[in-house]
Amino acid sequence: MTDQDLPPQPEEQDGTKPFGRKQFLQMAAATASLPVLAATTGAAAGTSNEAAGAAPAEQPRPKSLEPTPACDDGDDPTPPQTEGPYFRRNSPERASLLEPGMNGTVLTVSGQVFAARSCRPIANALLDFWQCDTRGVYDNWGYRLRGHQFTNANGEFQLTTIWPGLYTGRTRHIHVKVQAPYQRVLTSQLYFPGEPGNWRDPIFDPRLVMDVSNGPGGTRVAAFDFVLNVPY
């Protein structure tokens, strides 16, 4: 394996995310709970004064709110990208693209698929992935490193694959098509942080960079949520 096939160490990403529905709802929930917290604090202070320095009695905590679904790209629909010349129809249904004898660092990509308008997860959404191997070569005769799957009831997906290689003119990437049931197909690509070729690639879009970190046993893990422009 050459140096270009090895995944770089994860690095922090600079910049501020756009203000989205998730952040708005979290701020609203925090504001709504302020009077309750203030009253609890006041009661605790009174107990402390009467007890002349004794530890205040523990007050009941307000119920925590249900977590808000995460439209991580700020509620804007995931941007489309070119399909490229190597897409093949009728890929096998599978969540793991690993095969016996396949070289490369194991990479697990997980996330959810959301509707842009409601920020609700989309069940049974189709995701079709394809990529090159560690040498930068696509299988255009079979279905090596190609496969599709469907999100579960919570809109979640998980793909097990390998860290892709490089080929001339492109930075490291994974191709994907995403389709909510009975809706239009989004064709896009996923990118890796810290790649030297990112800013030299005319197709690269920083909004499509995955969150990548180290996994167990020398593997890598990545996260990305898709947000689809669907009428619900």
Protein backbone atom coordinates (compact mmCIF):
# COMPACT_ATOMS: atom_id res chain seq x y z
CA MET A 1 0.00 0.00 0.00
CA THR A 2 1.42 3.42 -0.92
CA ASP A 3 1.31 6.57 1.22
CA GLN A 4 -1.62 7.92 -0.79
CA ASP A 5 -3.71 4.93 0.26
CA LEU A 6 -3.21 5.62 3.97
CA PRO A 7 -5.88 7.75 5.69
CA PRO A 8 -4.59 11.00 7.15
CA GLN A 9 -4.94 11.74 10.83
CA PRO A 10 -8.22 13.52 11.64
CA GLU A 11 -7.97 17.26 12.01
CA GLU A 12 -10.20 19.95 13.42
CA GLN A 13 -12.28 21.88 10.94
CA ASP A 14 -12.41 25.64 11.21
CA GLY A 15 -15.44 27.78 10.57
CA THR A 16 -18.94 28.18 11.98
CA LYS A 17 -21.90 26.12 10.85
CA PRO A 18 -24.98 27.96 9.63
CA PHE A 19 -27.71 28.54 12.19
CA GLY A 20 -30.29 25.80 11.58
CA ARG A 21 -33.56 24.47 12.98
CA LYS A 22 -31.76 22.22 15.45
CA GLN A 23 -29.93 25.13 17.06
CA PHE A 24 -33.09 27.28 17.12
CA LEU A 25 -35.13 24.62 18.90
CA GLN A 26 -32.36 23.96 21.40
CA MET A 27 -32.16 27.68 22.27
CA ALA A 28 -35.95 27.88 22.57
CA ALA A 29 -36.00 24.89 24.92
CA ALA A 30 -33.22 26.37 27.04
CA THR A 31 -35.04 29.73 27.30
CA ALA A 32 -38.31 28.08 28.30
CA SER A 33 -36.62 26.21 31.15
CA LEU A 34 -34.93 29.29 32.71
CA PRO A 35 -37.78 30.24 35.15
CA VAL A 36 -37.90 26.69 36.52
CA LEU A 37 -34.14 26.63 37.03
CA ALA A 38 -34.20 30.03 38.72
CA ALA A 39 -36.92 28.94 41.15
CA THR A 40 -35.04 25.79 42.02
CA THR A 41 -31.84 27.75 42.64
CA GLY A 42 -33.66 30.18 44.89
CA ALA A 43 -35.17 27.40 46.99
CA ALA A 44 -31.80 25.77 47.39
CA ALA A 45 -30.27 29.07 48.55
CA GLY A 46 -32.99 29.53 51.17
CA THR A 47 -32.44 26.06 52.57
CA SER A 48 -28.71 26.70 52.75
CA ASN A 49 -29.21 29.93 54.81
CA GLU A 50 -31.54 28.28 57.32
CA ALA A 51 -29.17 25.35 57.82
CA ALA A 52 -26.28 27.73 58.66
CA GLY A 53 -23.85 26.36 56.13
CA ALA A 54 -25.20 22.81 55.80
CA ALA A 55 -25.34 21.33 52.32
CA PRO A 56 -28.64 22.20 50.61
CA ALA A 57 -31.16 19.45 50.05
CA GLU A 58 -31.19 18.16 46.47
CA GLN A 59 -34.06 19.64 44.50
CA PRO A 60 -35.95 17.66 41.83
CA ARG A 61 -34.56 18.38 38.36
CA PRO A 62 -36.85 19.42 35.49
CA LYS A 63 -37.53 16.75 32.90
CA SER A 64 -35.14 16.78 29.95
CA LEU A 65 -36.61 17.42 26.53
CA GLU A 66 -36.60 14.90 23.72
CA PRO A 67 -33.51 15.35 21.54
CA THR A 68 -34.12 17.32 18.38
CA PRO A 69 -33.33 15.49 15.11
CA ALA A 70 -30.01 16.67 13.71
CA CYS A 71 -30.11 18.32 10.31
CA ASP A 72 -26.38 18.85 10.55
CA ASP A 73 -25.92 20.97 7.46
CA GLY A 74 -28.17 23.75 8.77
CA ASP A 75 -31.43 22.46 7.25
CA ASP A 76 -30.30 23.29 3.70
CA PRO A 77 -30.72 20.37 1.28
CA THR A 78 -27.56 18.37 0.64
CA PRO A 79 -25.97 19.82 -2.53
CA PRO A 80 -25.97 17.66 -5.67
CA GLN A 81 -22.81 16.66 -7.52
CA THR A 82 -22.00 15.10 -10.85
CA GLU A 83 -22.58 11.37 -11.25
CA GLY A 84 -19.26 10.81 -13.02
CA PRO A 85 -18.52 8.15 -15.62
CA TYR A 86 -18.45 5.07 -13.38
CA PHE A 87 -21.99 4.59 -12.06
CA ARG A 88 -23.58 1.17 -12.70
CA ARG A 89 -27.24 0.35 -12.22
CA ASN A 90 -28.58 -2.67 -10.34
CA SER A 91 -25.92 -2.84 -7.64
CA PRO A 92 -26.48 -5.56 -5.00
CA GLU A 93 -28.36 -4.71 -1.81
CA ARG A 94 -25.78 -4.81 0.99
CA ALA A 95 -24.56 -2.62 3.84
CA SER A 96 -20.98 -3.93 3.67
CA LEU A 97 -18.85 -3.62 0.54
CA LEU A 98 -16.01 -5.67 2.03
CA GLU A 99 -14.98 -8.83 0.19
CA PRO A 100 -12.37 -11.55 0.87
CA GLY A 101 -8.87 -10.47 -0.09
CA MET A 102 -9.78 -6.78 -0.31
CA ASN A 103 -6.95 -4.48 0.78
CA GLY A 104 -7.39 -1.17 2.54
CA THR A 105 -8.29 0.48 5.83
CA VAL A 106 -11.82 -0.41 6.90
CA LEU A 107 -14.12 2.62 6.96
CA THR A 108 -17.61 2.75 8.48
CA VAL A 109 -19.85 5.61 7.34
CA SER A 110 -23.06 6.20 9.28
CA GLY A 111 -25.73 8.87 9.51
CA GLN A 112 -29.37 9.68 8.87
CA VAL A 113 -31.52 10.95 6.02
CA PHE A 114 -33.80 13.90 6.84
CA ALA A 115 -36.50 15.94 5.13
CA ALA A 116 -35.41 19.57 4.78
CA ARG A 117 -38.82 21.14 5.56
CA SER A 118 -39.67 19.19 8.72
CA CYS A 119 -36.24 17.92 9.76
CA ARG A 120 -37.88 14.53 10.26
CA PRO A 121 -35.95 11.32 9.51
CA ILE A 122 -36.97 9.51 6.31
CA ALA A 123 -37.55 5.76 6.57
CA ASN A 124 -36.91 3.42 3.62
CA ALA A 125 -34.78 5.96 1.76
CA LEU A 126 -32.55 4.36 -0.86
CA LEU A 127 -28.77 4.96 -0.72
CA ASP A 128 -26.59 3.64 -3.55
CA PHE A 129 -22.81 3.89 -2.97
CA TRP A 130 -19.88 3.33 -5.33
CA GLN A 131 -16.17 4.11 -5.11
CA CYS A 132 -12.68 3.20 -6.33
CA ASP A 133 -10.31 0.78 -4.60
CA THR A 134 -7.04 1.69 -2.88
CA ARG A 135 -5.31 2.00 -6.28
CA GLY A 136 -7.89 4.48 -7.57
CA VAL A 137 -9.52 1.90 -9.86
CA TYR A 138 -13.29 1.39 -10.33
CA ASP A 139 -14.76 -2.02 -11.12
CA ASN A 140 -16.69 -1.37 -14.33
CA TRP A 141 -17.42 -5.02 -15.09
CA GLY A 142 -18.69 -6.30 -11.76
CA TYR A 143 -19.96 -4.78 -8.52
CA ARG A 144 -16.83 -4.61 -6.40
CA LEU A 145 -17.15 -1.66 -3.97
CA ARG A 146 -20.70 -1.02 -5.14
CA GLY A 147 -23.94 -1.57 -3.25
CA HIS A 148 -27.25 -0.10 -2.13
CA GLN A 149 -29.25 -0.17 1.09
CA PHE A 150 -32.34 1.39 2.71
CA THR A 151 -32.66 3.50 5.86
CA ASN A 152 -34.41 2.01 8.89
CA ALA A 153 -37.48 3.42 10.65
CA ASN A 154 -35.34 6.20 12.17
CA GLY A 155 -33.82 7.21 8.83
CA GLU A 156 -30.46 5.68 9.78
CA PHE A 157 -27.93 3.99 7.52
CA GLN A 158 -24.50 2.44 7.96
CA LEU A 159 -21.99 1.57 5.25
CA THR A 160 -18.90 -0.59 5.78
CA THR A 161 -16.28 -0.10 3.07
CA ILE A 162 -12.58 0.75 2.67
CA TRP A 163 -10.68 4.02 2.56
CA PRO A 164 -10.72 4.89 -1.18
CA GLY A 165 -7.59 5.62 -3.16
CA LEU A 166 -6.86 8.49 -5.55
CA TYR A 167 -6.93 8.83 -9.28
CA THR A 168 -5.68 11.65 -11.48
CA GLY A 169 -7.56 14.92 -11.21
CA ARG A 170 -9.73 14.07 -8.20
CA THR A 171 -9.46 14.23 -4.45
CA ARG A 172 -10.52 11.28 -2.29
CA HIS A 173 -14.31 10.75 -2.40
CA ILE A 174 -17.25 8.32 -2.34
CA HIS A 175 -20.18 8.56 -4.77
CA VAL A 176 -23.76 8.25 -3.58
CA LYS A 177 -27.34 8.46 -4.79
CA VAL A 178 -30.08 9.10 -2.22
CA GLN A 179 -33.81 8.81 -2.88
CA ALA A 180 -36.76 9.18 -0.51
CA PRO A 181 -39.67 6.86 -1.39
CA TYR A 182 -41.41 8.06 -4.59
CA GLN A 183 -39.25 11.20 -4.75
CA ARG A 184 -36.48 12.45 -7.05
CA VAL A 185 -32.96 11.07 -6.77
CA LEU A 186 -30.18 13.18 -5.25
CA THR A 187 -26.79 12.37 -6.79
CA SER A 188 -23.83 13.60 -4.75
CA GLN A 189 -20.37 12.77 -3.37
CA LEU A 190 -18.80 12.52 0.09
CA TYR A 191 -15.37 13.97 0.87
CA PHE A 192 -12.68 13.54 3.51
CA PRO A 193 -11.24 16.25 5.78
CA GLY A 194 -7.62 17.33 5.49
CA GLU A 195 -7.04 15.95 1.99
CA PRO A 196 -4.33 17.90 0.12
CA GLY A 197 -6.29 17.55 -3.11
CA ASN A 198 -9.55 19.00 -1.79
CA TRP A 199 -8.95 22.57 -2.88
CA ARG A 200 -7.32 21.54 -6.15
CA ASP A 201 -10.37 19.48 -7.15
CA PRO A 202 -12.81 21.66 -9.16
CA ILE A 203 -15.75 19.48 -8.05
CA PHE A 204 -14.97 19.51 -4.31
CA ASP A 205 -17.62 21.06 -2.05
CA PRO A 206 -16.76 21.63 1.65
CA ARG A 207 -20.43 21.13 2.58
CA LEU A 208 -20.00 17.46 1.69
CA VAL A 209 -17.02 16.75 3.96
CA MET A 210 -17.64 13.91 6.40
CA ASP A 211 -16.76 13.97 10.09
CA VAL A 212 -13.96 11.37 10.29
CA SER A 213 -12.24 9.92 13.35
CA ASN A 214 -10.28 6.85 14.45
CA GLY A 215 -12.16 3.63 15.08
CA PRO A 216 -11.25 0.44 16.94
CA GLY A 217 -8.43 -1.76 15.73
CA GLY A 218 -6.98 0.70 13.21
CA THR A 219 -10.29 1.28 11.43
CA ARG A 220 -11.81 4.67 10.65
CA VAL A 221 -15.34 5.93 11.27
CA ALA A 222 -17.17 8.72 9.46
CA ALA A 223 -20.51 10.47 9.91
CA PHE A 224 -22.69 12.40 7.51
CA ASP A 225 -26.42 13.25 7.44
CA PHE A 226 -28.26 13.79 4.17
CA VAL A 227 -31.04 16.40 3.95
CA LEU A 228 -33.43 15.96 1.03
CA ASN A 229 -35.64 18.56 -0.62
CA VAL A 230 -38.90 16.63 -0.38
CA PRO A 231 -42.48 17.98 -0.02
CA TYR A 232 -42.96 17.00 3.62
